[in-house]
Amino acid sequence: MKVLIPINTDFNYNQCKKLYEENQILLGDNQDFKDVIKNTFFYSFFVDGKHIGCIYYYEKNNKLFLNAVAHRHTHLINIKCLKESLTYWNCDIYAKTGHKTAIYAILKCGFKKIDKNLYKYER
């Protein structure tokens, strides 16, 4: 697994932007991609040279939240990428989603439902 962040010289900005914009409605995120890159902890994942997707973390109301977008038909490897990214943090992490595929992934990674469409990963 290879992880790139925006400061890497070989960061795949255009590929991440396209994936983000194609799925922006599902993400429930109305920010411009430049703002997402600038104001979040953004990670782009590759497995065997293939771009899998992107995960980004951001603070809201003094809590750390995550959001993610991935290419179709990469669900199982996305769970591995998400589990990997969870190791980067030593605090509770929240996710807000109503998307069934995303819910399945975060539950497989150890999140628990705490409210309608709100999930928490406890450290």
C-alpha atoms as a PDB file:
ATOM      1  CA  MET A   1       0.000   0.000   0.000  1.00  0.00           C
ATOM      2  CA  LYS A   2       1.283   3.440  -0.947  1.00  0.00           C
ATOM      3  CA  VAL A   3      -0.118   6.576   0.661  1.00  0.00           C
ATOM      4  CA  LEU A   4       0.366  10.036  -0.814  1.00  0.00           C
ATOM      5  CA  ILE A   5      -0.421  13.372   0.774  1.00  0.00           C
ATOM      6  CA  PRO A   6      -0.748  16.731  -1.012  1.00  0.00           C
ATOM      7  CA  ILE A   7       2.830  17.807  -0.246  1.00  0.00           C
ATOM      8  CA  ASN A   8       4.280  14.768  -2.033  1.00  0.00           C
ATOM      9  CA  THR A   9       5.802  15.734  -5.377  1.00  0.00           C
ATOM     10  CA  ASP A  10       4.009  12.838  -7.094  1.00  0.00           C
ATOM     11  CA  PHE A  11       0.624  13.508  -5.434  1.00  0.00           C
ATOM     12  CA  ASN A  12      -2.161  12.710  -7.886  1.00  0.00           C
ATOM     13  CA  TYR A  13      -4.112  15.976  -7.524  1.00  0.00           C
ATOM     14  CA  ASN A  14      -6.140  15.772 -10.750  1.00  0.00           C
ATOM     15  CA  GLN A  15      -7.101  12.143 -10.163  1.00  0.00           C
ATOM     16  CA  CYS A  16      -8.232  12.894  -6.584  1.00  0.00           C
ATOM     17  CA  LYS A  17     -10.105  16.011  -7.683  1.00  0.00           C
ATOM     18  CA  LYS A  18     -11.985  14.118 -10.379  1.00  0.00           C
ATOM     19  CA  LEU A  19     -12.953  11.327  -7.975  1.00  0.00           C
ATOM     20  CA  TYR A  20     -14.060  13.861  -5.344  1.00  0.00           C
ATOM     21  CA  GLU A  21     -16.138  15.921  -7.763  1.00  0.00           C
ATOM     22  CA  GLU A  22     -17.806  12.844  -9.290  1.00  0.00           C
ATOM     23  CA  ASN A  23     -18.921  11.740  -5.819  1.00  0.00           C
ATOM     24  CA  GLN A  24     -19.400  15.080  -4.086  1.00  0.00           C
ATOM     25  CA  ILE A  25     -23.170  14.691  -3.678  1.00  0.00           C
ATOM     26  CA  LEU A  26     -22.760  11.270  -2.027  1.00  0.00           C
ATOM     27  CA  LEU A  27     -20.116  12.718   0.286  1.00  0.00           C
ATOM     28  CA  GLY A  28     -22.455  15.435   1.454  1.00  0.00           C
ATOM     29  CA  ASP A  29     -19.567  17.857   1.121  1.00  0.00           C
ATOM     30  CA  ASN A  30     -20.118  21.097  -0.767  1.00  0.00           C
ATOM     31  CA  GLN A  31     -16.572  22.434  -0.462  1.00  0.00           C
ATOM     32  CA  ASP A  32     -14.378  23.196  -3.419  1.00  0.00           C
ATOM     33  CA  PHE A  33     -11.687  20.531  -3.820  1.00  0.00           C
ATOM     34  CA  LYS A  34      -8.914  23.108  -3.285  1.00  0.00           C
ATOM     35  CA  ASP A  35     -10.450  23.904   0.106  1.00  0.00           C
ATOM     36  CA  VAL A  36     -10.662  20.229   1.007  1.00  0.00           C
ATOM     37  CA  ILE A  37      -6.959  19.787   0.251  1.00  0.00           C
ATOM     38  CA  LYS A  38      -6.057  22.957   2.110  1.00  0.00           C
ATOM     39  CA  ASN A  39      -8.196  22.445   5.239  1.00  0.00           C
ATOM     40  CA  THR A  40      -8.077  18.700   5.886  1.00  0.00           C
ATOM     41  CA  PHE A  41      -5.630  15.883   6.485  1.00  0.00           C
ATOM     42  CA  PHE A  42      -5.878  14.303   3.046  1.00  0.00           C
ATOM     43  CA  TYR A  43      -4.567  10.855   2.051  1.00  0.00           C
ATOM     44  CA  SER A  44      -4.605   9.165  -1.355  1.00  0.00           C
ATOM     45  CA  PHE A  45      -4.217   5.371  -1.390  1.00  0.00           C
ATOM     46  CA  PHE A  46      -2.665   3.082  -3.998  1.00  0.00           C
ATOM     47  CA  VAL A  47      -2.470  -0.704  -3.960  1.00  0.00           C
ATOM     48  CA  ASP A  48      -0.322  -2.483  -6.543  1.00  0.00           C
ATOM     49  CA  GLY A  49       0.010   0.813  -8.429  1.00  0.00           C
ATOM     50  CA  LYS A  50      -3.768   1.267  -8.736  1.00  0.00           C
ATOM     51  CA  HIS A  51      -5.462   4.309  -7.203  1.00  0.00           C
ATOM     52  CA  ILE A  52      -8.018   3.033  -4.694  1.00  0.00           C
ATOM     53  CA  GLY A  53      -9.418   6.234  -3.250  1.00  0.00           C
ATOM     54  CA  CYS A  54      -8.989   9.110  -0.833  1.00  0.00           C
ATOM     55  CA  ILE A  55      -9.652   9.571   2.859  1.00  0.00           C
ATOM     56  CA  TYR A  56      -9.631  12.920   4.565  1.00  0.00           C
ATOM     57  CA  TYR A  57      -9.916  13.935   8.198  1.00  0.00           C
ATOM     58  CA  TYR A  58     -11.135  17.285   9.495  1.00  0.00           C
ATOM     59  CA  GLU A  59     -12.083  18.948  12.763  1.00  0.00           C
ATOM     60  CA  LYS A  60     -15.635  20.016  13.495  1.00  0.00           C
ATOM     61  CA  ASN A  61     -16.936  21.099  16.906  1.00  0.00           C
ATOM     62  CA  ASN A  62     -13.663  19.971  18.534  1.00  0.00           C
ATOM     63  CA  LYS A  63     -14.103  16.443  17.140  1.00  0.00           C
ATOM     64  CA  LEU A  64     -12.161  14.644  14.427  1.00  0.00           C
ATOM     65  CA  PHE A  65     -14.316  13.464  11.514  1.00  0.00           C
ATOM     66  CA  LEU A  66     -13.476  11.463   8.435  1.00  0.00           C
ATOM     67  CA  ASN A  67     -14.833  11.377   4.949  1.00  0.00           C
ATOM     68  CA  ALA A  68     -13.775   9.179   2.060  1.00  0.00           C
ATOM     69  CA  VAL A  69     -14.290   8.576  -1.607  1.00  0.00           C
ATOM     70  CA  ALA A  70     -13.204   5.543  -3.606  1.00  0.00           C
ATOM     71  CA  HIS A  71     -13.338   3.983  -7.015  1.00  0.00           C
ATOM     72  CA  ARG A  72     -16.076   1.446  -7.652  1.00  0.00           C
ATOM     73  CA  HIS A  73     -15.395  -2.239  -7.065  1.00  0.00           C
ATOM     74  CA  THR A  74     -12.634  -1.599  -4.504  1.00  0.00           C
ATOM     75  CA  HIS A  75     -14.729  -2.099  -1.370  1.00  0.00           C
ATOM     76  CA  LEU A  76     -12.650  -4.766   0.378  1.00  0.00           C
ATOM     77  CA  ILE A  77      -9.360  -2.970  -0.171  1.00  0.00           C
ATOM     78  CA  ASN A  78     -11.023   0.279   0.944  1.00  0.00           C
ATOM     79  CA  ILE A  79     -11.644  -1.282   4.331  1.00  0.00           C
ATOM     80  CA  LYS A  80      -7.914  -2.062   4.585  1.00  0.00           C
ATOM     81  CA  CYS A  81      -7.055   1.521   3.608  1.00  0.00           C
ATOM     82  CA  LEU A  82      -9.494   2.894   6.161  1.00  0.00           C
ATOM     83  CA  LYS A  83      -8.095   0.646   8.895  1.00  0.00           C
ATOM     84  CA  GLU A  84      -4.595   1.832   7.993  1.00  0.00           C
ATOM     85  CA  SER A  85      -5.604   5.495   8.178  1.00  0.00           C
ATOM     86  CA  LEU A  86      -7.207   4.993  11.594  1.00  0.00           C
ATOM     87  CA  THR A  87      -3.762   4.104  12.970  1.00  0.00           C
ATOM     88  CA  TYR A  88      -2.564   7.641  12.177  1.00  0.00           C
ATOM     89  CA  TRP A  89      -4.658   9.057  15.038  1.00  0.00           C
ATOM     90  CA  ASN A  90      -4.797   8.469  18.801  1.00  0.00           C
ATOM     91  CA  CYS A  91      -8.207  10.035  19.465  1.00  0.00           C
ATOM     92  CA  ASP A  92     -11.858   9.206  18.891  1.00  0.00           C
ATOM     93  CA  ILE A  93     -12.957   9.619  15.279  1.00  0.00           C
ATOM     94  CA  TYR A  94     -16.433  10.352  13.984  1.00  0.00           C
ATOM     95  CA  ALA A  95     -18.118   9.705  10.658  1.00  0.00           C
ATOM     96  CA  LYS A  96     -21.443  11.022   9.439  1.00  0.00           C
ATOM     97  CA  THR A  97     -23.062   9.138   6.579  1.00  0.00           C
ATOM     98  CA  GLY A  98     -26.295   7.612   5.407  1.00  0.00           C
ATOM     99  CA  HIS A  99     -24.647   5.807   2.484  1.00  0.00           C
ATOM    100  CA  LYS A 100     -25.049   2.031   2.973  1.00  0.00           C
ATOM    101  CA  THR A 101     -21.682   1.066   1.497  1.00  0.00           C
ATOM    102  CA  ALA A 102     -19.883   3.597   3.689  1.00  0.00           C
ATOM    103  CA  ILE A 103     -21.785   2.423   6.768  1.00  0.00           C
ATOM    104  CA  TYR A 104     -20.777  -1.169   6.075  1.00  0.00           C
ATOM    105  CA  ALA A 105     -17.117  -0.144   5.710  1.00  0.00           C
ATOM    106  CA  ILE A 106     -16.935   1.914   8.885  1.00  0.00           C
ATOM    107  CA  LEU A 107     -18.746  -0.744  10.917  1.00  0.00           C
ATOM    108  CA  LYS A 108     -16.227  -3.345   9.656  1.00  0.00           C
ATOM    109  CA  CYS A 109     -13.469  -1.003  10.888  1.00  0.00           C
ATOM    110  CA  GLY A 110     -14.834  -0.790  14.428  1.00  0.00           C
ATOM    111  CA  PHE A 111     -17.102   2.251  14.386  1.00  0.00           C
ATOM    112  CA  LYS A 112     -20.274   2.126  16.479  1.00  0.00           C
ATOM    113  CA  LYS A 113     -23.528   3.886  15.697  1.00  0.00           C
ATOM    114  CA  ILE A 114     -24.187   6.632  18.245  1.00  0.00           C
ATOM    115  CA  ASP A 115     -26.984   8.610  16.575  1.00  0.00           C
ATOM    116  CA  LYS A 116     -28.881   8.791  13.309  1.00  0.00           C
ATOM    117  CA  ASN A 117     -26.196   8.648  10.574  1.00  0.00           C
ATOM    118  CA  LEU A 118     -23.454   9.345  13.141  1.00  0.00           C
ATOM    119  CA  TYR A 119     -20.749   6.815  13.994  1.00  0.00           C
ATOM    120  CA  LYS A 120     -17.808   6.830  16.390  1.00  0.00           C
ATOM    121  CA  TYR A 121     -14.498   4.985  16.494  1.00  0.00           C
ATOM    122  CA  GLU A 122     -13.280   4.983  20.099  1.00  0.00           C
ATOM    123  CA  ARG A 123      -9.660   4.963  21.158  1.00  0.00           C
END
